[in-house]
Amino acid sequence: LMNYKNIKVEKRENYAIIEIANNKNNSLDQKTLNEIGDATKNLNKSKEIKCIGLIGGPKFFSPGADIKELEKLDSKKAKKQKLFSKVDDLQKIDIPIISFVEGYALGGGFELALSSDLIIASSEAKFGLPEINLGLIPGIGGTQKTKKFTSNQNIKYLAMSGEIIDAETAMKYGIVSQIIPKENFKEFTLNFLNTISSKPKKSLQVIKYLVNSEDNLKKSLIKERQEFYKLLDSENKKIGIKSFLNKTKPNWK
């Protein structure tokens, strides 16, 4: 992998960790977003990598877009730069991306987490869409990607008030799938990535594809059935069932 300036990429056996680590409190300037986009694309091509963990710092997962950059932007420049398109590209990644949020995930930082497949929060995590306080609105899917997780009521509350919610509230909203005590968070992160990356890659990819599929229910059910049938012929199904019956650890293809 390339050397990045604003993120750190660490490859483990079957997974990778991308850490937002720039000197601007992890704000998502263009360079940082480009690097995240580039790294995920490269990792997605790798045969052995089955999932990606996205982490930030203990204080800020990410507070969102770089305000100094926003100040200089007008609509023409934003269009020319294809502002935020790198985050949209995360939709094209086939393997699971899991966000582990320790501190504040605000605005674009929250939307980056919402662009991943799962959000796991530390007990200290905080979430919010404060763009309205800058005379703006969420611009990386804050009014849309949230619909997969929570009700329209809750989205309007967040986007209209700009208020910051804690991990418990985010869990009630359905935005967070787990809350982990702060002191166990790092350990949990590695254990969970180990767990997911011990599963068969093809199944992980197909689950992601099906859950994210936008078709109506009837069409989606047909798709799910077809994918299930296909996997019945797979090597991994033979391996999985054999090791289940023999009580051994599966060695996935």
Protein backbone atom coordinates (compact mmCIF):
# COMPACT_ATOMS: atom_id res chain seq x y z
CA LEU A 1 0.00 0.00 0.00
CA MET A 2 1.05 3.55 -0.66
CA ASN A 3 2.37 5.80 2.04
CA TYR A 4 -0.39 8.06 3.21
CA LYS A 5 -0.01 11.34 5.07
CA ASN A 6 -3.40 11.71 6.78
CA ILE A 7 -4.34 8.12 7.48
CA LYS A 8 -2.51 5.07 8.77
CA VAL A 9 -3.18 1.72 7.13
CA GLU A 10 -2.30 -1.47 8.91
CA LYS A 11 -2.73 -4.84 7.23
CA ARG A 12 -3.23 -7.84 9.47
CA GLU A 13 -3.67 -11.42 8.32
CA ASN A 14 -7.21 -11.22 6.94
CA TYR A 15 -8.27 -7.67 7.69
CA ALA A 16 -6.99 -4.13 7.60
CA ILE A 17 -7.36 -1.11 9.84
CA ILE A 18 -7.59 2.40 8.46
CA GLU A 19 -6.98 5.06 11.08
CA ILE A 20 -7.90 8.68 10.42
CA ALA A 21 -4.79 10.35 11.77
CA ASN A 22 -4.20 13.86 10.50
CA ASN A 23 -2.95 16.80 12.49
CA LYS A 24 -6.23 18.67 12.12
CA ASN A 25 -8.11 16.76 14.81
CA ASN A 26 -9.09 14.21 12.14
CA SER A 27 -11.15 16.67 10.12
CA LEU A 28 -12.04 15.34 6.69
CA ASP A 29 -10.25 17.64 4.29
CA GLN A 30 -10.03 16.65 0.63
CA LYS A 31 -6.66 14.97 1.09
CA THR A 32 -7.87 12.76 3.93
CA LEU A 33 -11.01 11.72 2.01
CA ASN A 34 -8.94 10.97 -1.10
CA GLU A 35 -6.61 8.79 0.94
CA ILE A 36 -9.49 6.89 2.57
CA GLY A 37 -11.00 6.35 -0.88
CA ASP A 38 -7.72 5.16 -2.32
CA ALA A 39 -6.88 2.84 0.58
CA THR A 40 -10.30 1.15 0.64
CA LYS A 41 -10.15 0.63 -3.12
CA ASN A 42 -6.72 -1.01 -2.86
CA LEU A 43 -7.72 -3.19 0.08
CA ASN A 44 -10.85 -4.28 -1.76
CA LYS A 45 -8.66 -5.71 -4.52
CA SER A 46 -6.59 -7.75 -2.09
CA LYS A 47 -7.39 -11.47 -2.06
CA GLU A 48 -6.77 -12.09 1.63
CA ILE A 49 -8.39 -8.98 3.14
CA LYS A 50 -11.96 -9.81 4.20
CA CYS A 51 -12.96 -6.68 6.10
CA ILE A 52 -11.79 -3.18 6.96
CA GLY A 53 -11.95 -1.49 10.34
CA LEU A 54 -12.21 2.30 10.30
CA ILE A 55 -11.00 4.04 13.45
CA GLY A 56 -10.25 7.57 14.59
CA GLY A 57 -8.72 9.03 17.72
CA PRO A 58 -9.90 8.70 21.32
CA LYS A 59 -11.21 12.28 21.31
CA PHE A 60 -12.35 12.66 17.70
CA PHE A 61 -13.34 9.86 15.37
CA SER A 62 -13.78 12.84 13.07
CA PRO A 63 -15.46 16.21 13.64
CA GLY A 64 -16.38 16.44 9.93
CA ALA A 65 -15.37 18.57 6.97
CA ASP A 66 -12.46 20.97 7.27
CA ILE A 67 -14.15 24.32 8.03
CA LYS A 68 -11.28 26.37 6.53
CA GLU A 69 -11.67 24.41 3.30
CA LEU A 70 -15.44 24.93 3.33
CA GLU A 71 -15.00 28.66 3.80
CA LYS A 72 -13.09 28.91 0.51
CA LEU A 73 -15.51 26.72 -1.45
CA ASP A 74 -18.32 27.87 -3.68
CA SER A 75 -20.66 25.63 -5.66
CA LYS A 76 -18.60 25.92 -8.83
CA LYS A 77 -15.37 24.82 -7.11
CA ALA A 78 -17.18 22.04 -5.23
CA LYS A 79 -18.62 20.68 -8.48
CA LYS A 80 -15.25 20.84 -10.21
CA GLN A 81 -13.56 19.00 -7.32
CA LYS A 82 -16.43 16.50 -7.17
CA LEU A 83 -16.50 17.32 -3.44
CA PHE A 84 -17.25 14.28 -1.23
CA SER A 85 -17.47 11.86 -4.20
CA LYS A 86 -14.77 9.74 -2.54
CA VAL A 87 -17.20 8.91 0.24
CA ASP A 88 -19.82 7.83 -2.31
CA ASP A 89 -17.21 5.47 -3.75
CA LEU A 90 -17.28 3.51 -0.49
CA GLN A 91 -20.58 2.06 -1.77
CA LYS A 92 -18.51 0.20 -4.38
CA ILE A 93 -16.40 -1.65 -1.81
CA ASP A 94 -17.51 -5.29 -1.67
CA ILE A 95 -16.08 -6.26 1.71
CA PRO A 96 -17.52 -5.07 5.03
CA ILE A 97 -16.26 -1.77 6.44
CA ILE A 98 -16.81 -1.44 10.18
CA SER A 99 -16.54 1.92 11.94
CA PHE A 100 -15.34 1.89 15.54
CA VAL A 101 -16.24 5.27 17.01
CA GLU A 102 -14.49 6.33 20.18
CA GLY A 103 -14.94 10.09 20.45
CA TYR A 104 -16.95 12.62 18.45
CA ALA A 105 -18.30 11.66 15.02
CA LEU A 106 -19.88 14.86 13.75
CA GLY A 107 -21.14 16.04 10.38
CA GLY A 108 -18.99 14.44 7.70
CA GLY A 109 -17.34 12.26 10.34
CA PHE A 110 -20.73 10.84 11.28
CA GLU A 111 -21.64 10.49 7.60
CA LEU A 112 -18.40 8.63 6.93
CA ALA A 113 -19.36 6.16 9.68
CA LEU A 114 -22.87 5.91 8.19
CA SER A 115 -21.27 5.01 4.85
CA SER A 116 -19.76 1.92 6.43
CA ASP A 117 -21.63 -1.30 7.16
CA LEU A 118 -21.70 -1.25 10.94
CA ILE A 119 -21.04 1.33 13.60
CA ILE A 120 -19.71 0.14 16.93
CA ALA A 121 -19.42 2.80 19.60
CA SER A 122 -17.37 3.29 22.71
CA SER A 123 -19.43 4.29 25.75
CA GLU A 124 -17.90 7.78 25.30
CA ALA A 125 -18.88 8.21 21.64
CA LYS A 126 -20.94 11.20 20.49
CA PHE A 127 -22.79 11.75 17.22
CA GLY A 128 -24.35 14.75 15.52
CA LEU A 129 -25.15 16.63 12.32
CA PRO A 130 -24.27 20.23 13.23
CA GLU A 131 -24.07 21.54 9.63
CA ILE A 132 -27.19 23.64 10.12
CA ASN A 133 -25.23 25.77 12.58
CA LEU A 134 -22.98 26.80 9.67
CA GLY A 135 -25.96 27.70 7.51
CA LEU A 136 -25.52 24.44 5.61
CA ILE A 137 -27.07 20.96 5.61
CA PRO A 138 -25.50 17.50 5.81
CA GLY A 139 -23.82 16.96 2.44
CA ILE A 140 -22.44 13.42 2.49
CA GLY A 141 -25.69 11.53 2.99
CA GLY A 142 -26.72 12.70 6.46
CA THR A 143 -30.37 13.03 5.41
CA GLN A 144 -30.30 9.87 3.27
CA LYS A 145 -27.88 7.22 4.54
CA THR A 146 -29.45 7.60 7.98
CA LYS A 147 -32.72 6.18 6.55
CA LYS A 148 -31.16 2.73 6.57
CA PHE A 149 -30.68 2.99 10.33
CA THR A 150 -33.37 5.15 11.87
CA SER A 151 -36.70 6.92 11.44
CA ASN A 152 -37.34 10.13 9.52
CA GLN A 153 -38.30 11.70 12.85
CA ASN A 154 -34.86 11.06 14.32
CA ILE A 155 -33.05 12.28 11.20
CA LYS A 156 -35.00 15.55 11.23
CA TYR A 157 -34.29 15.95 14.92
CA LEU A 158 -30.55 15.57 14.37
CA ALA A 159 -30.29 17.61 11.18
CA MET A 160 -32.67 20.41 12.24
CA SER A 161 -31.41 20.88 15.81
CA GLY A 162 -27.73 20.20 15.15
CA GLU A 163 -27.68 18.62 18.61
CA ILE A 164 -25.14 16.05 19.68
CA ILE A 165 -26.36 12.70 20.99
CA ASP A 166 -24.52 10.15 23.13
CA ALA A 167 -23.88 6.48 22.36
CA GLU A 168 -26.98 5.31 24.29
CA THR A 169 -29.27 7.54 22.23
CA ALA A 170 -27.54 6.51 19.01
CA MET A 171 -28.20 2.90 20.01
CA LYS A 172 -31.88 3.65 20.67
CA TYR A 173 -32.02 5.23 17.22
CA GLY A 174 -30.59 2.04 15.72
CA ILE A 175 -27.53 3.89 14.42
CA VAL A 176 -25.10 1.97 16.61
CA SER A 177 -25.13 -1.83 16.80
CA GLN A 178 -23.02 -2.23 19.96
CA ILE A 179 -21.76 -0.05 22.80
CA ILE A 180 -18.48 -1.18 24.34
CA PRO A 181 -17.06 0.18 27.60
CA LYS A 182 -14.30 2.67 26.87
CA GLU A 183 -11.63 0.65 28.67
CA ASN A 184 -12.25 -2.50 26.56
CA PHE A 185 -12.73 -0.69 23.28
CA LYS A 186 -9.35 -1.30 21.63
CA GLU A 187 -9.38 -4.96 22.60
CA PHE A 188 -12.94 -5.40 21.37
CA THR A 189 -12.08 -3.74 18.05
CA LEU A 190 -9.34 -6.27 17.31
CA ASN A 191 -11.41 -9.22 18.54
CA PHE A 192 -14.38 -8.22 16.42
CA LEU A 193 -12.27 -7.72 13.29
CA ASN A 194 -10.74 -11.13 13.96
CA THR A 195 -14.21 -12.65 14.24
CA ILE A 196 -15.51 -11.14 11.00
CA SER A 197 -12.31 -11.90 9.10
CA SER A 198 -12.50 -15.55 10.16
CA LYS A 199 -15.70 -15.95 8.11
CA PRO A 200 -15.89 -16.99 4.45
CA LYS A 201 -15.25 -13.91 2.30
CA LYS A 202 -17.83 -14.73 -0.36
CA SER A 203 -20.62 -14.96 2.21
CA LEU A 204 -19.59 -11.62 3.74
CA GLN A 205 -19.64 -9.98 0.31
CA VAL A 206 -23.01 -11.43 -0.64
CA ILE A 207 -24.61 -10.42 2.69
CA LYS A 208 -23.37 -6.86 2.22
CA TYR A 209 -24.62 -6.76 -1.36
CA LEU A 210 -28.06 -8.09 -0.46
CA VAL A 211 -28.63 -5.91 2.60
CA ASN A 212 -27.60 -2.82 0.63
CA SER A 213 -29.71 -3.75 -2.37
CA GLU A 214 -32.31 -1.06 -3.09
CA ASP A 215 -34.87 -3.21 -4.92
CA ASN A 216 -38.40 -3.72 -3.67
CA LEU A 217 -38.92 -6.64 -1.30
CA LYS A 218 -40.21 -9.07 -3.90
CA LYS A 219 -37.19 -8.53 -6.14
CA SER A 220 -34.77 -8.63 -3.20
CA LEU A 221 -36.17 -11.93 -1.97
CA ILE A 222 -35.65 -13.45 -5.41
CA LYS A 223 -32.06 -12.13 -5.38
CA GLU A 224 -31.41 -13.53 -1.92
CA ARG A 225 -32.76 -16.94 -2.95
CA GLN A 226 -30.58 -16.99 -6.10
CA GLU A 227 -27.45 -16.09 -4.14
CA PHE A 228 -28.26 -18.77 -1.57
CA TYR A 229 -28.68 -21.40 -4.29
CA LYS A 230 -25.35 -20.37 -5.84
CA LEU A 231 -23.52 -20.80 -2.55
CA LEU A 232 -24.90 -24.34 -2.22
CA ASP A 233 -22.41 -25.33 -4.94
CA SER A 234 -19.51 -23.54 -3.29
CA GLU A 235 -16.36 -25.02 -1.87
CA ASN A 236 -16.94 -23.05 1.34
CA LYS A 237 -20.30 -24.71 1.92
CA LYS A 238 -18.64 -28.12 1.75
CA ILE A 239 -15.85 -26.96 4.07
CA GLY A 240 -18.30 -25.34 6.52
CA ILE A 241 -20.62 -28.32 6.78
CA LYS A 242 -17.79 -30.83 6.99
CA SER A 243 -16.04 -28.96 9.80
CA PHE A 244 -19.38 -28.49 11.58
CA LEU A 245 -20.01 -32.25 11.49
CA ASN A 246 -16.39 -33.08 12.44
CA LYS A 247 -16.27 -30.31 15.06
CA THR A 248 -13.13 -28.83 13.46
CA LYS A 249 -12.23 -25.23 12.60
CA PRO A 250 -13.13 -24.38 8.99
CA ASN A 251 -10.35 -23.32 6.69
CA TRP A 252 -12.19 -21.08 4.25
CA LYS A 253 -11.27 -20.78 0.59
